[in-house]
Amino acid sequence: MEYQERIDHLQRRLRRAGIDALLVARPENRRYLSGYGGGDHGIEESSGVLLLPARGQLRLLTDFRFQLQAQREVPWAEVELYPKGLIALLATLLPKLGVKRLAFESRYTLHATAARMEKTLGAKGVELVAVRPWLEEMRAVKSEEEIALIRRAVRLNEEVFQEIHAAIGSFSSEIEVSLAVEAAMRRRGAAGPSFATIVASGDNAALPHAVPSASPLLPHRPLTIDMGLILDGYCSDMTRTFVIGEADERYIQLHRVVRRAMLAGMAAIRPGVPCREVDRAARRVIADTGYGDCFGHSLGHGVGLAVHEEPRLSSRNRRVLKAGMVVTVEPGIYVPGWGGIRLENMVVVRPDGCEDLNRDTTWLDL
C-alpha cells in the first residue's frame, strides 16, 4: 500500500529527529499520506488534520461535517472529532499518547494558530517543533502510479482544449471561452479546474496572469488559453497561444522563438541538472532574439496534487532534478501594447532526459 510506505518513511524520519508526532494540515499533504480528499475553503477553515505519531496508527482529526467522508475515505485510520476545536482535542489527546515534541508545517500553519497551539499545548508540556517541508520534498518525486494519474489528467485537459479550439469561432469574449472550458472539464469527468482558467486576447495576452473579461476575441491577434484540471486528485496544466484567422509575420516570428525556447528547455531536462540550468537554456533562446526583457517569469514548476509545487524551474533554484519529477516548461514573450505568446507542456524527468506528457500539437502549427 503506497500510503503505508509513505507513512513508514515519515515515521522513521520523525524518530531520527527525536520528534514524537507530526501534525499535517495542508490538504495536498493530507491526501498524499491518507487519500483523504476533504476540501478546505481557505487556510483559516480546515476539513481536518492528520496526526502522525512516530510510532503507531495514523489519526484523522476532523469535525462533524466531514465525519462520514473521513471514515469512508480513510477506513484504516482512527477518525476523531473535535467538537470544541482542534487545539482543545490536542490538549487532551497528546498527553494520552505521550507526545512531548509535536512537529507542525511551519510553511503552511498560520502564525496565529501556531501561537495558540504553543500557549495551550505548552501548558500541557508539549513542545512545538517547526520542520522543513518534508512532505513537499517527498511529493516532488512521483511514483509510476502517480505519473499514470497525472498523464490521465493531461490527456483529459487536452481533450477539453481541442473541443474549445475547434469551436473557437462561436465565442465572442474571453469570459465565454473560460466558462466553456471549465464546463467542459466537469462534463468530461474532472473535479474542476486546477486554477482559474486564463483566456487573454490581443493586448491582454501581454499579461501572464490575465483575468478573463468581456473583451472580444480579436482576429489576427494573439489568443492565449492557460488551463488545467483536477482528475482523481491530480492536476494538469497547459498553455496554448494561437490566432483566430491568419497570423501576421510578427506573430509567426515570435511564436517560433517561444517554440524553440520550449524545446530547448525540454532538451536540458535530465536527472542531476540544476533547475536554474533548465531555465537558462530556454531563456537564452529568447534573449538571443532581443526579447529577453519580455520573459520575466520562471520557466516552470512542479505539478502533482497541487498545480504549483516543487521543483521550481527558476533562475534562482540551485536544486537538481531527479527522475520522477513532473514539471511544466512554459516560456513566454510578453509585449505591452501588442500581446503575448506562452506555450506550456508538462514533462516527466526520466533517467535519459524527459518524457513529454502532452500529445496536442497546436503549439507546433507555425
Protein backbone atom coordinates (compact mmCIF):
# COMPACT_ATOMS: atom_id res chain seq x y z
CA MET A 1 0.00 0.00 0.00
CA GLU A 2 1.58 3.25 -1.15
CA TYR A 3 0.12 5.29 1.71
CA GLN A 4 1.70 2.95 4.26
CA GLU A 5 5.10 3.20 2.56
CA ARG A 6 4.92 6.99 2.79
CA ILE A 7 3.84 6.83 6.42
CA ASP A 8 6.64 4.40 7.29
CA HIS A 9 9.21 6.67 5.64
CA LEU A 10 7.96 9.70 7.51
CA GLN A 11 7.78 7.90 10.84
CA ARG A 12 11.43 6.85 10.50
CA ARG A 13 12.32 10.47 9.84
CA LEU A 14 10.39 11.60 12.91
CA ARG A 15 12.20 9.09 15.09
CA ARG A 16 15.60 10.15 13.78
CA ALA A 17 14.73 13.77 14.59
CA GLY A 18 13.55 12.92 18.10
CA ILE A 19 10.00 14.07 17.34
CA ASP A 20 7.00 12.26 18.81
CA ALA A 21 4.35 13.23 16.24
CA LEU A 22 3.65 15.39 13.19
CA LEU A 23 0.54 17.47 12.60
CA VAL A 24 -0.36 17.60 8.88
CA ALA A 25 -2.75 20.39 7.89
CA ARG A 26 -2.02 21.13 4.23
CA PRO A 27 -4.77 19.49 2.10
CA GLU A 28 -2.39 18.07 -0.53
CA ASN A 29 -0.19 16.57 2.18
CA ARG A 30 -3.19 15.04 3.93
CA ARG A 31 -4.25 13.40 0.68
CA TYR A 32 -0.70 12.24 -0.07
CA LEU A 33 -0.47 10.40 3.25
CA SER A 34 -4.00 9.06 3.55
CA GLY A 35 -6.18 9.62 0.47
CA TYR A 36 -8.42 11.98 2.43
CA GLY A 37 -9.91 14.50 -0.01
CA GLY A 38 -11.75 16.84 2.34
CA GLY A 39 -11.76 20.32 0.86
CA ASP A 40 -10.65 23.50 2.63
CA HIS A 41 -12.24 26.80 1.67
CA GLY A 42 -9.15 28.69 2.78
CA ILE A 43 -6.23 28.41 5.14
CA GLU A 44 -8.40 29.64 8.02
CA GLU A 45 -11.01 26.88 7.58
CA SER A 46 -9.95 23.25 7.74
CA SER A 47 -11.73 19.99 6.97
CA GLY A 48 -9.33 18.23 9.30
CA VAL A 49 -5.73 17.40 10.09
CA LEU A 50 -3.67 14.25 10.30
CA LEU A 51 -1.82 13.37 13.47
CA LEU A 52 1.04 11.04 12.62
CA PRO A 53 2.87 9.58 15.63
CA ALA A 54 6.47 8.48 15.30
CA ARG A 55 5.16 5.03 16.18
CA GLY A 56 1.64 3.76 15.91
CA GLN A 57 -1.55 4.43 14.00
CA LEU A 58 -2.37 7.48 11.91
CA ARG A 59 -5.24 9.60 13.25
CA LEU A 60 -7.52 11.86 11.24
CA LEU A 61 -8.90 14.70 13.38
CA THR A 62 -11.94 16.48 11.97
CA ASP A 63 -15.42 17.76 12.82
CA PHE A 64 -18.97 16.50 12.32
CA ARG A 65 -19.29 17.91 8.78
CA PHE A 66 -16.58 15.59 7.45
CA GLN A 67 -17.00 12.56 9.72
CA LEU A 68 -18.63 10.25 7.17
CA GLN A 69 -16.29 11.29 4.37
CA ALA A 70 -13.27 10.70 6.58
CA GLN A 71 -14.48 7.26 7.64
CA ARG A 72 -15.24 6.26 4.04
CA GLU A 73 -12.01 7.54 2.51
CA VAL A 74 -9.61 6.51 5.29
CA PRO A 75 -11.22 3.45 6.92
CA TRP A 76 -7.84 2.20 8.14
CA ALA A 77 -7.11 5.34 10.19
CA GLU A 78 -8.65 6.29 13.51
CA VAL A 79 -11.07 9.20 13.00
CA GLU A 80 -11.63 11.50 15.98
CA LEU A 81 -13.91 14.53 16.13
CA TYR A 82 -13.12 17.86 17.78
CA PRO A 83 -16.48 19.40 18.79
CA LYS A 84 -14.64 22.03 20.83
CA GLY A 85 -11.98 22.70 18.22
CA LEU A 86 -8.70 21.13 17.17
CA ILE A 87 -6.47 22.66 19.83
CA ALA A 88 -8.81 21.58 22.63
CA LEU A 89 -8.70 18.00 21.33
CA LEU A 90 -4.90 18.10 21.00
CA ALA A 91 -4.58 19.34 24.58
CA THR A 92 -6.41 16.21 25.75
CA LEU A 93 -5.10 13.71 23.21
CA LEU A 94 -1.36 14.45 23.08
CA PRO A 95 -0.63 13.77 26.78
CA LYS A 96 -2.52 10.47 26.49
CA LEU A 97 -0.31 9.50 23.56
CA GLY A 98 2.85 10.57 25.37
CA VAL A 99 3.65 13.28 22.81
CA LYS A 100 6.23 15.71 24.19
CA ARG A 101 7.53 17.14 20.89
CA LEU A 102 4.96 17.93 18.18
CA ALA A 103 6.12 18.93 14.71
CA PHE A 104 3.96 21.17 12.52
CA GLU A 105 4.04 22.50 8.95
CA SER A 106 5.60 25.90 9.59
CA ARG A 107 5.27 26.99 5.95
CA TYR A 108 1.53 26.36 5.96
CA THR A 109 0.28 26.91 9.51
CA LEU A 110 -0.92 30.42 10.30
CA HIS A 111 1.20 32.30 12.83
CA ALA A 112 -1.91 32.96 14.94
CA THR A 113 -2.72 29.23 15.00
CA ALA A 114 0.84 28.31 15.95
CA ALA A 115 0.78 30.89 18.75
CA ARG A 116 -2.46 29.48 20.19
CA MET A 117 -1.11 25.94 19.99
CA GLU A 118 2.13 26.96 21.66
CA LYS A 119 0.26 28.61 24.54
CA THR A 120 -2.31 25.85 25.10
CA LEU A 121 -0.13 22.82 24.41
CA GLY A 122 2.87 24.31 26.14
CA ALA A 123 0.84 24.33 29.33
CA LYS A 124 0.46 20.56 28.84
CA GLY A 125 4.21 20.08 28.46
CA VAL A 126 4.16 19.77 24.67
CA GLU A 127 6.91 21.50 22.68
CA LEU A 128 6.10 22.69 19.13
CA VAL A 129 8.77 21.99 16.52
CA ALA A 130 8.76 23.75 13.15
CA VAL A 131 10.04 21.34 10.50
CA ARG A 132 11.21 21.65 6.92
CA PRO A 133 8.67 20.86 4.18
CA TRP A 134 9.33 17.13 4.40
CA LEU A 135 6.10 16.14 2.69
CA GLU A 136 6.55 18.64 -0.14
CA GLU A 137 10.02 17.19 -0.74
CA MET A 138 8.58 13.67 -0.83
CA ARG A 139 5.78 14.73 -3.19
CA ALA A 140 8.25 16.23 -5.67
CA VAL A 141 9.28 12.77 -6.91
CA LYS A 142 6.30 10.87 -8.27
CA SER A 143 5.76 7.13 -8.35
CA GLU A 144 4.76 5.48 -11.62
CA GLU A 145 1.22 5.20 -10.24
CA GLU A 146 1.12 8.96 -9.68
CA ILE A 147 2.58 9.64 -13.13
CA ALA A 148 -0.17 7.49 -14.66
CA LEU A 149 -2.80 9.59 -12.88
CA ILE A 150 -1.15 12.82 -14.00
CA ARG A 151 -0.97 11.53 -17.57
CA ARG A 152 -4.74 10.90 -17.50
CA ALA A 153 -5.31 14.45 -16.24
CA VAL A 154 -3.13 15.80 -19.05
CA ARG A 155 -4.99 13.77 -21.68
CA LEU A 156 -8.38 14.98 -20.45
CA ASN A 157 -7.14 18.56 -20.36
CA GLU A 158 -6.07 18.23 -23.99
CA GLU A 159 -9.44 16.81 -24.98
CA VAL A 160 -11.14 19.84 -23.44
CA PHE A 161 -8.77 22.22 -25.22
CA GLN A 162 -9.32 20.52 -28.57
CA GLU A 163 -13.09 20.78 -28.11
CA ILE A 164 -12.86 24.51 -27.37
CA HIS A 165 -10.24 25.19 -30.04
CA ALA A 166 -12.43 23.58 -32.71
CA ALA A 167 -15.36 25.80 -31.71
CA ILE A 168 -13.43 29.00 -31.03
CA GLY A 169 -15.32 30.92 -33.71
CA SER A 170 -18.58 30.50 -31.78
CA PHE A 171 -17.36 32.50 -28.77
CA SER A 172 -17.48 36.27 -28.60
CA SER A 173 -15.48 37.08 -25.45
CA GLU A 174 -12.72 35.87 -23.17
CA ILE A 175 -15.12 35.11 -20.34
CA GLU A 176 -17.31 32.98 -22.62
CA VAL A 177 -14.29 30.85 -23.51
CA SER A 178 -13.21 30.43 -19.89
CA LEU A 179 -16.72 29.40 -18.83
CA ALA A 180 -16.93 26.91 -21.70
CA VAL A 181 -13.53 25.46 -20.79
CA GLU A 182 -14.47 24.85 -17.15
CA ALA A 183 -17.93 23.50 -18.05
CA ALA A 184 -16.34 21.04 -20.49
CA MET A 185 -13.89 19.91 -17.80
CA ARG A 186 -16.71 18.96 -15.45
CA ARG A 187 -18.83 17.46 -18.21
CA ARG A 188 -15.94 15.16 -19.15
CA GLY A 189 -15.39 13.97 -15.57
CA ALA A 190 -12.90 16.36 -13.95
CA ALA A 191 -13.43 17.50 -10.37
CA GLY A 192 -12.94 21.04 -11.65
CA PRO A 193 -10.16 23.37 -12.82
CA SER A 194 -6.81 23.20 -11.05
CA PHE A 195 -6.65 27.01 -11.23
CA ALA A 196 -8.78 29.79 -12.64
CA THR A 197 -8.66 29.45 -16.44
CA ILE A 198 -6.76 32.22 -18.20
CA VAL A 199 -8.10 33.46 -21.54
CA ALA A 200 -6.44 36.57 -22.95
CA SER A 201 -6.88 38.10 -26.41
CA GLY A 202 -4.91 40.84 -28.13
CA ASP A 203 -3.22 43.32 -25.78
CA ASN A 204 -4.47 41.33 -22.78
CA ALA A 205 -2.19 38.45 -23.77
CA ALA A 206 0.73 40.60 -22.59
CA LEU A 207 -0.50 39.88 -19.03
CA PRO A 208 0.89 36.47 -17.97
CA HIS A 209 -1.94 36.02 -15.43
CA ALA A 210 -4.69 37.88 -17.23
CA VAL A 211 -8.21 37.59 -15.83
CA PRO A 212 -10.82 36.75 -18.49
CA SER A 213 -13.08 39.70 -19.22
CA ALA A 214 -15.84 40.75 -21.58
CA SER A 215 -13.16 41.78 -24.09
CA PRO A 216 -13.88 40.38 -27.55
CA LEU A 217 -11.76 37.74 -29.21
CA LEU A 218 -9.77 39.71 -31.75
CA PRO A 219 -8.99 38.17 -35.15
CA HIS A 220 -5.36 38.06 -36.30
CA ARG A 221 -4.16 38.78 -32.73
CA PRO A 222 -2.63 36.50 -30.08
CA LEU A 223 -5.13 34.45 -28.07
CA THR A 224 -3.73 32.67 -25.00
CA ILE A 225 -5.57 29.92 -23.14
CA ASP A 226 -3.89 28.64 -19.97
CA MET A 227 -5.92 25.81 -18.46
CA GLY A 228 -5.67 22.86 -16.12
CA LEU A 229 -7.98 20.39 -14.39
CA ILE A 230 -8.08 18.01 -11.44
CA LEU A 231 -8.77 14.34 -12.08
CA ASP A 232 -8.60 11.77 -9.26
CA GLY A 233 -6.84 14.36 -7.13
CA TYR A 234 -4.01 15.09 -9.60
CA CYS A 235 -3.56 18.26 -11.63
CA SER A 236 -2.73 19.19 -15.19
CA ASP A 237 -1.58 22.50 -16.66
CA MET A 238 -1.23 23.51 -20.31
CA THR A 239 -0.97 26.78 -22.25
CA ARG A 240 -1.61 27.36 -25.93
CA THR A 241 -1.39 30.61 -27.84
CA PHE A 242 -2.81 30.85 -31.36
CA VAL A 243 -4.52 33.25 -33.73
CA ILE A 244 -8.10 33.29 -34.97
CA GLY A 245 -7.69 33.71 -38.70
CA GLU A 246 -4.39 34.44 -40.41
CA ALA A 247 -1.33 35.31 -38.33
CA ASP A 248 0.92 38.18 -39.34
CA GLU A 249 4.69 37.91 -39.71
CA ARG A 250 5.44 39.28 -36.26
CA TYR A 251 3.24 36.72 -34.59
CA ILE A 252 4.74 33.88 -36.63
CA GLN A 253 8.28 35.02 -35.77
CA LEU A 254 7.63 35.28 -32.01
CA HIS A 255 5.64 32.04 -31.86
CA ARG A 256 8.59 30.21 -33.39
CA VAL A 257 11.00 31.79 -30.91
CA VAL A 258 8.88 30.67 -27.96
CA ARG A 259 8.55 27.21 -29.50
CA ARG A 260 12.35 26.93 -29.83
CA ALA A 261 12.73 28.07 -26.23
CA MET A 262 10.29 25.41 -25.07
CA LEU A 263 12.17 22.70 -26.95
CA ALA A 264 15.49 23.97 -25.57
CA GLY A 265 14.13 23.78 -22.02
CA MET A 266 12.91 20.23 -22.58
CA ALA A 267 16.23 19.19 -24.08
CA ALA A 268 18.07 20.41 -20.96
CA ILE A 269 15.98 18.29 -18.57
CA ARG A 270 17.59 15.20 -17.06
CA PRO A 271 18.46 13.95 -13.58
CA GLY A 272 21.26 15.85 -11.88
CA VAL A 273 20.77 19.07 -13.84
CA PRO A 274 20.19 22.15 -11.63
CA CYS A 275 16.75 23.67 -12.12
CA ARG A 276 18.27 27.03 -12.95
CA GLU A 277 20.22 25.50 -15.86
CA VAL A 278 16.95 24.38 -17.48
CA ASP A 279 15.54 27.87 -17.04
CA ARG A 280 18.73 29.31 -18.50
CA ALA A 281 18.63 27.05 -21.58
CA ALA A 282 15.16 28.27 -22.57
CA ARG A 283 15.77 31.89 -21.55
CA ARG A 284 18.90 32.08 -23.70
CA VAL A 285 16.89 31.37 -26.85
CA ILE A 286 14.55 34.29 -26.15
CA ALA A 287 17.36 36.63 -25.05
CA ASP A 288 19.34 35.93 -28.23
CA THR A 289 16.46 37.31 -30.31
CA GLY A 290 16.37 40.56 -28.32
CA TYR A 291 13.26 39.75 -26.28
CA GLY A 292 14.95 38.79 -23.03
CA ASP A 293 13.28 41.61 -21.11
CA CYS A 294 9.88 40.32 -22.27
CA PHE A 295 10.24 36.99 -20.45
CA GLY A 296 10.03 37.89 -16.77
CA HIS A 297 8.73 34.77 -15.04
CA SER A 298 10.31 31.41 -14.24
CA LEU A 299 10.32 28.65 -16.85
CA GLY A 300 8.17 26.20 -14.94
CA HIS A 301 7.09 24.43 -11.78
CA GLY A 302 6.24 21.02 -10.41
CA VAL A 303 2.72 19.63 -10.77
CA GLY A 304 1.03 16.87 -8.81
CA LEU A 305 -1.60 17.01 -6.09
CA ALA A 306 -1.12 20.79 -6.30
CA VAL A 307 -0.84 22.64 -9.58
CA HIS A 308 2.16 24.58 -8.27
CA GLU A 309 4.64 22.58 -6.22
CA GLU A 310 8.30 21.62 -6.11
CA PRO A 311 10.55 21.80 -8.01
CA ARG A 312 10.64 25.32 -9.43
CA LEU A 313 12.42 25.80 -12.76
CA SER A 314 13.73 29.18 -11.69
CA SER A 315 16.95 31.07 -12.34
CA ARG A 316 17.40 31.19 -8.54
CA ASN A 317 16.90 27.47 -7.85
CA ARG A 318 20.16 25.53 -7.47
CA ARG A 319 18.43 22.23 -6.60
CA VAL A 320 18.90 19.44 -9.08
CA LEU A 321 16.24 17.48 -10.92
CA LYS A 322 15.52 13.87 -10.01
CA ALA A 323 13.95 11.11 -12.05
CA GLY A 324 10.20 11.01 -11.44
CA MET A 325 9.72 14.73 -11.04
CA VAL A 326 6.90 16.23 -13.14
CA VAL A 327 7.36 19.83 -14.28
CA THR A 328 5.92 22.35 -16.70
CA VAL A 329 8.01 24.03 -19.39
CA GLU A 330 6.34 27.34 -20.22
CA PRO A 331 8.45 30.09 -21.79
CA GLY A 332 6.75 33.26 -22.96
CA ILE A 333 7.23 36.61 -24.65
CA TYR A 334 5.01 39.50 -23.48
CA VAL A 335 4.98 42.79 -25.39
CA PRO A 336 2.89 45.62 -23.88
CA GLY A 337 0.54 47.13 -26.46
CA TRP A 338 0.79 44.09 -28.74
CA GLY A 339 0.12 40.93 -26.76
CA GLY A 340 1.99 37.85 -25.70
CA ILE A 341 2.75 34.24 -26.51
CA ARG A 342 3.19 31.44 -23.98
CA LEU A 343 3.45 27.73 -24.73
CA GLU A 344 3.38 25.11 -21.99
CA ASN A 345 3.70 21.35 -21.81
CA MET A 346 4.18 19.01 -18.86
CA VAL A 347 7.09 16.56 -18.78
CA VAL A 348 8.40 13.77 -16.54
CA VAL A 349 12.09 13.68 -15.70
CA ARG A 350 13.41 10.31 -16.87
CA PRO A 351 16.88 8.73 -16.44
CA ASP A 352 17.87 9.68 -20.00
CA GLY A 353 16.05 13.01 -20.39
CA CYS A 354 12.35 13.76 -20.19
CA GLU A 355 9.03 12.35 -21.34
CA ASP A 356 6.58 14.85 -22.83
CA LEU A 357 3.15 14.07 -21.39
CA ASN A 358 1.33 16.20 -23.97
CA ARG A 359 0.16 14.93 -27.34
CA ASP A 360 -1.60 18.08 -28.56
CA THR A 361 0.48 19.63 -31.36
CA THR A 362 -1.24 23.01 -31.68
CA TRP A 363 1.95 24.67 -30.44
CA LEU A 364 3.82 23.25 -33.45
CA ASP A 365 1.41 24.70 -36.03
CA LEU A 366 3.54 27.65 -37.10
